[in-house]
Amino acid sequence: MNQRLFQFLSFFNYWLDAVGAHSLHSPFFFHLYNRHIKPSKHSEGIKFIESLRTDLLDSESEITVEDLGAGSSHFMSSTRSVNDIARVSLSPVKYSMLYRSLILYNKSQHILELGTSLGINTLYLSYANNGRTYTFEGSSQIADVAQKQFEKAGANNISVIPGNIDHTLPRFLDSIENVDFVLMDANHRYQPTMTYFDLLMAKAHSRTIIVVDDIHYSAEMERAWRELIQREGVYGSVDLFRCGLVFFDPSLNRQHFVLQF
């Protein structure tokens, strides 16, 4: 099936299934949705970060990209302009604000991002919290562009970990006890998604939140999402179409929702 048609049909099915607060009988998810997820709460971004987004969208600089993930069918060459990368890969502001809201809600200290891209989400993850954000990026020149954004923003609580995530993530996880919040936005294929998730899940605790981006990007990503939320140790999930939220608190008693966003 053509990928655009697949994504259209996936969104149509999501639209049919998605519910609002009135359908949430779980106190935890009702509170989470109304206080931290509801779309109206994330309509405006943080001004200085959004000014950096605008600069990236206007930049005609070209870089060479080592694409280790599924990538985008938009790109036919390894040489790409920064504005093209920004236009295709940067998350909409409401999702960046959502991730920040979840981190503040969770009082996260150990924050991981798989897939730095140009660093806009990274800045949202690191903004106004006392933790440290570790961001993993496979393309060295994309990581360099992101690092420049961090320097412009004066963000000193971000560590960039360059290189193939297949190798860098296991080594890093061996060095820490647990993770509080993770944004998985790197290799959008079934097997890497499942491998990364299982590695991260081994470091999760009852308040950890893992966000999986592009869960309806392709048939194999939908398969990965369906399977990972059935993993033993996963006790709750929320499908927001572009991304999915995964929870590990046993008190949630395996509740899974498709919510309007």
Protein backbone atom coordinates (compact mmCIF):
# COMPACT_ATOMS: atom_id res chain seq x y z
CA MET A 1 0.00 0.00 0.00
CA ASN A 2 1.19 3.53 -0.80
CA GLN A 3 2.59 5.08 2.41
CA ARG A 4 0.52 8.26 2.15
CA LEU A 5 -2.64 6.21 1.71
CA PHE A 6 -1.62 4.05 4.67
CA GLN A 7 -1.12 7.12 6.86
CA PHE A 8 -4.44 8.62 5.75
CA LEU A 9 -6.29 5.41 6.62
CA SER A 10 -4.43 5.19 9.94
CA PHE A 11 -5.48 8.71 10.82
CA PHE A 12 -9.08 7.98 9.83
CA ASN A 13 -9.12 4.95 12.14
CA TYR A 14 -7.53 7.01 14.91
CA TRP A 15 -10.18 9.73 14.44
CA LEU A 16 -12.92 7.12 14.78
CA ASP A 17 -11.42 5.63 17.94
CA ALA A 18 -10.13 8.73 19.78
CA VAL A 19 -12.05 9.84 22.85
CA GLY A 20 -11.91 12.85 25.20
CA ALA A 21 -11.97 13.31 28.95
CA HIS A 22 -15.63 12.28 29.24
CA SER A 23 -14.70 8.68 28.40
CA LEU A 24 -11.88 8.41 30.94
CA HIS A 25 -12.98 6.65 34.11
CA SER A 26 -9.43 6.13 35.36
CA PRO A 27 -8.56 8.93 37.85
CA PHE A 28 -4.89 8.79 36.75
CA PHE A 29 -5.58 9.19 33.03
CA PHE A 30 -8.40 11.70 33.59
CA HIS A 31 -6.03 13.93 35.57
CA LEU A 32 -3.15 13.40 33.14
CA TYR A 33 -5.31 14.23 30.13
CA ASN A 34 -6.92 17.35 31.56
CA ARG A 35 -3.80 18.78 33.20
CA HIS A 36 -1.00 17.73 30.88
CA ILE A 37 -2.21 16.31 27.54
CA LYS A 38 -5.28 18.28 26.45
CA PRO A 39 -4.39 20.03 23.16
CA SER A 40 -5.55 23.52 24.17
CA LYS A 41 -2.83 23.62 26.82
CA HIS A 42 -0.04 23.40 24.23
CA SER A 43 -1.04 25.93 21.57
CA GLU A 44 1.91 28.28 22.15
CA GLY A 45 5.56 27.41 22.43
CA ILE A 46 8.51 28.97 24.27
CA LYS A 47 9.43 32.11 22.35
CA PHE A 48 13.21 31.87 22.26
CA ILE A 49 13.10 28.19 21.23
CA GLU A 50 10.54 28.96 18.53
CA SER A 51 12.78 31.74 17.22
CA LEU A 52 15.48 29.09 16.72
CA ARG A 53 12.94 26.90 14.89
CA THR A 54 12.21 29.85 12.57
CA ASP A 55 15.92 30.35 11.90
CA LEU A 56 16.30 26.67 10.98
CA LEU A 57 13.28 26.81 8.68
CA ASP A 58 14.89 29.80 6.93
CA SER A 59 18.40 28.32 6.71
CA GLU A 60 19.61 27.32 3.24
CA SER A 61 22.85 25.78 4.54
CA GLU A 62 23.54 22.27 3.26
CA ILE A 63 24.90 19.34 5.24
CA THR A 64 25.70 15.71 4.54
CA VAL A 65 23.46 13.32 6.46
CA GLU A 66 24.24 9.72 7.40
CA ASP A 67 20.71 8.26 7.54
CA LEU A 68 20.77 5.24 9.85
CA GLY A 69 17.00 5.07 10.36
CA ALA A 70 13.93 4.77 8.16
CA GLY A 71 14.36 8.39 7.14
CA SER A 72 11.91 10.24 4.93
CA SER A 73 10.91 9.47 1.35
CA HIS A 74 11.16 13.23 0.78
CA PHE A 75 14.96 13.03 0.60
CA MET A 76 16.66 11.48 -2.41
CA SER A 77 20.24 12.50 -1.56
CA SER A 78 22.54 12.48 1.45
CA THR A 79 23.18 16.21 0.87
CA ARG A 80 20.27 18.15 2.33
CA SER A 81 19.44 21.72 3.19
CA VAL A 82 18.82 22.53 6.84
CA ASN A 83 15.44 24.12 6.05
CA ASP A 84 14.28 20.94 4.28
CA ILE A 85 15.31 18.81 7.27
CA ALA A 86 13.56 21.23 9.63
CA ARG A 87 10.37 21.27 7.58
CA VAL A 88 10.11 17.47 7.45
CA SER A 89 11.55 16.32 10.77
CA LEU A 90 10.77 18.88 13.48
CA SER A 91 7.81 18.05 15.72
CA PRO A 92 4.87 20.48 15.74
CA VAL A 93 5.04 22.87 18.67
CA LYS A 94 2.10 21.28 20.49
CA TYR A 95 4.01 17.98 20.74
CA SER A 96 7.19 19.71 21.93
CA MET A 97 5.12 21.44 24.62
CA LEU A 98 3.46 18.12 25.51
CA TYR A 99 6.83 16.46 26.11
CA ARG A 100 7.95 19.34 28.32
CA SER A 101 4.67 19.18 30.28
CA LEU A 102 5.11 15.45 30.91
CA ILE A 103 8.66 15.99 32.15
CA LEU A 104 7.53 18.69 34.57
CA TYR A 105 4.64 16.50 35.72
CA ASN A 106 7.00 13.58 36.30
CA LYS A 107 9.78 15.69 37.87
CA SER A 108 12.15 13.84 35.54
CA GLN A 109 15.89 13.92 36.26
CA HIS A 110 17.27 11.42 33.75
CA ILE A 111 15.90 12.37 30.32
CA LEU A 112 16.84 10.56 27.11
CA GLU A 113 16.09 11.46 23.51
CA LEU A 114 16.80 9.00 20.70
CA GLY A 115 17.15 11.12 17.57
CA THR A 116 18.32 14.69 18.21
CA SER A 117 17.39 15.99 14.77
CA LEU A 118 18.13 19.76 14.83
CA GLY A 119 17.71 20.07 18.59
CA ILE A 120 14.37 21.85 18.99
CA ASN A 121 12.68 19.03 20.92
CA THR A 122 15.87 18.62 22.93
CA LEU A 123 15.62 22.20 24.12
CA TYR A 124 12.01 21.67 25.16
CA LEU A 125 12.99 18.50 27.04
CA SER A 126 15.76 20.31 28.89
CA TYR A 127 13.98 23.60 29.57
CA ALA A 128 13.05 24.59 33.14
CA ASN A 129 13.89 21.31 34.87
CA ASN A 130 16.72 20.28 37.18
CA GLY A 131 17.59 17.11 35.31
CA ARG A 132 20.01 16.36 32.52
CA THR A 133 19.01 15.52 28.96
CA TYR A 134 21.06 12.97 27.01
CA THR A 135 20.35 13.09 23.30
CA PHE A 136 21.53 10.44 20.82
CA GLU A 137 22.12 11.31 17.15
CA GLY A 138 23.49 9.07 14.41
CA SER A 139 24.38 11.83 11.94
CA SER A 140 27.42 13.85 12.99
CA GLN A 141 26.56 16.94 10.94
CA ILE A 142 22.98 17.03 12.23
CA ALA A 143 24.40 16.74 15.76
CA ASP A 144 26.70 19.70 15.00
CA VAL A 145 23.75 21.86 13.89
CA ALA A 146 21.85 20.89 17.04
CA GLN A 147 24.84 21.71 19.25
CA LYS A 148 24.89 25.23 17.80
CA GLN A 149 21.23 25.67 18.80
CA PHE A 150 22.05 24.56 22.35
CA GLU A 151 24.88 27.09 22.53
CA LYS A 152 22.62 29.87 21.23
CA ALA A 153 20.06 28.97 23.90
CA GLY A 154 22.69 28.76 26.65
CA ALA A 155 21.52 25.24 27.48
CA ASN A 156 24.16 23.67 29.71
CA ASN A 157 22.18 20.62 30.85
CA ILE A 158 22.29 18.76 27.51
CA SER A 159 24.78 16.03 26.57
CA VAL A 160 24.96 15.01 22.89
CA ILE A 161 25.93 11.37 22.31
CA PRO A 162 26.88 10.98 18.63
CA GLY A 163 27.16 7.74 16.69
CA ASN A 164 25.08 4.73 15.77
CA ILE A 165 22.43 4.35 18.48
CA ASP A 166 22.61 0.57 18.12
CA HIS A 167 26.02 0.87 19.79
CA THR A 168 25.84 4.04 21.88
CA LEU A 169 22.55 3.34 23.67
CA PRO A 170 23.49 -0.04 25.27
CA ARG A 171 26.84 1.37 26.44
CA PHE A 172 25.15 4.41 27.96
CA LEU A 173 22.43 2.41 29.70
CA ASP A 174 25.07 0.20 31.30
CA SER A 175 26.36 3.32 33.07
CA ILE A 176 23.11 4.49 34.70
CA GLU A 177 20.63 3.05 37.18
CA ASN A 178 17.32 4.17 35.66
CA VAL A 179 15.58 6.57 33.27
CA ASP A 180 12.65 8.88 34.05
CA PHE A 181 11.57 10.10 30.62
CA VAL A 182 12.46 8.94 27.11
CA LEU A 183 11.51 10.30 23.68
CA MET A 184 12.12 7.62 21.02
CA ASP A 185 12.37 9.46 17.69
CA ALA A 186 15.19 7.76 15.83
CA ASN A 187 15.03 4.61 13.71
CA HIS A 188 11.41 4.25 12.58
CA ARG A 189 11.57 0.54 11.79
CA TYR A 190 10.08 -2.41 13.63
CA GLN A 191 13.17 -4.22 14.89
CA PRO A 192 15.21 -1.23 16.09
CA THR A 193 12.11 0.19 17.80
CA MET A 194 11.52 -3.05 19.69
CA THR A 195 15.22 -3.45 20.54
CA TYR A 196 15.56 0.11 21.87
CA PHE A 197 12.30 -0.16 23.81
CA ASP A 198 13.34 -3.39 25.53
CA LEU A 199 16.72 -1.88 26.48
CA LEU A 200 15.03 1.21 27.91
CA MET A 201 12.30 -0.75 29.65
CA ALA A 202 14.96 -2.59 31.66
CA LYS A 203 15.87 0.80 33.18
CA ALA A 204 12.28 1.95 33.78
CA HIS A 205 10.63 2.40 37.17
CA SER A 206 6.99 2.86 38.11
CA ARG A 207 6.95 6.58 37.20
CA THR A 208 8.94 6.33 33.98
CA ILE A 209 7.28 7.60 30.79
CA ILE A 210 8.49 6.44 27.38
CA VAL A 211 7.19 8.34 24.35
CA VAL A 212 7.35 6.53 21.00
CA ASP A 213 7.17 8.90 18.03
CA ASP A 214 5.57 8.12 14.64
CA ILE A 215 3.63 5.07 15.84
CA HIS A 216 1.43 5.25 12.71
CA TYR A 217 4.24 6.14 10.29
CA SER A 218 4.13 2.72 8.62
CA ALA A 219 2.66 -0.75 9.00
CA GLU A 220 5.79 -1.95 10.78
CA MET A 221 5.67 0.95 13.26
CA GLU A 222 2.01 0.19 13.99
CA ARG A 223 3.01 -3.43 14.55
CA ALA A 224 5.78 -2.33 16.93
CA TRP A 225 3.33 -0.13 18.88
CA ARG A 226 0.74 -2.91 19.21
CA GLU A 227 3.36 -5.36 20.44
CA LEU A 228 5.31 -3.14 22.82
CA ILE A 229 2.23 -2.02 24.77
CA GLN A 230 1.51 -5.70 25.41
CA ARG A 231 4.97 -6.26 26.92
CA GLU A 232 4.99 -7.68 30.42
CA GLY A 233 5.71 -4.73 32.68
CA VAL A 234 3.77 -2.21 30.58
CA TYR A 235 0.68 -1.18 32.53
CA GLY A 236 -0.77 1.69 30.52
CA SER A 237 -0.57 3.50 27.20
CA VAL A 238 -2.03 6.46 25.33
CA ASP A 239 -2.21 6.72 21.52
CA LEU A 240 -2.14 10.38 20.36
CA PHE A 241 -1.66 9.36 16.70
CA ARG A 242 1.71 11.01 16.05
CA CYS A 243 3.12 9.54 19.23
CA GLY A 244 2.30 7.03 21.94
CA LEU A 245 2.88 7.30 25.69
CA VAL A 246 3.86 4.21 27.69
CA PHE A 247 3.55 3.84 31.48
CA PHE A 248 4.97 1.29 33.93
CA ASP A 249 2.97 1.78 37.14
CA PRO A 250 1.36 -1.57 38.14
CA SER A 251 -1.56 0.30 39.74
CA LEU A 252 -2.77 1.28 36.26
CA ASN A 253 -3.80 -2.32 35.69
CA ARG A 254 -3.09 -2.46 31.94
CA GLN A 255 -5.27 0.41 30.68
CA HIS A 256 -4.82 1.52 27.06
CA PHE A 257 -6.49 4.57 25.51
CA VAL A 258 -6.74 6.35 22.16
CA LEU A 259 -7.16 10.04 23.04
CA GLN A 260 -8.00 13.17 21.09
CA PHE A 261 -5.04 15.49 20.55
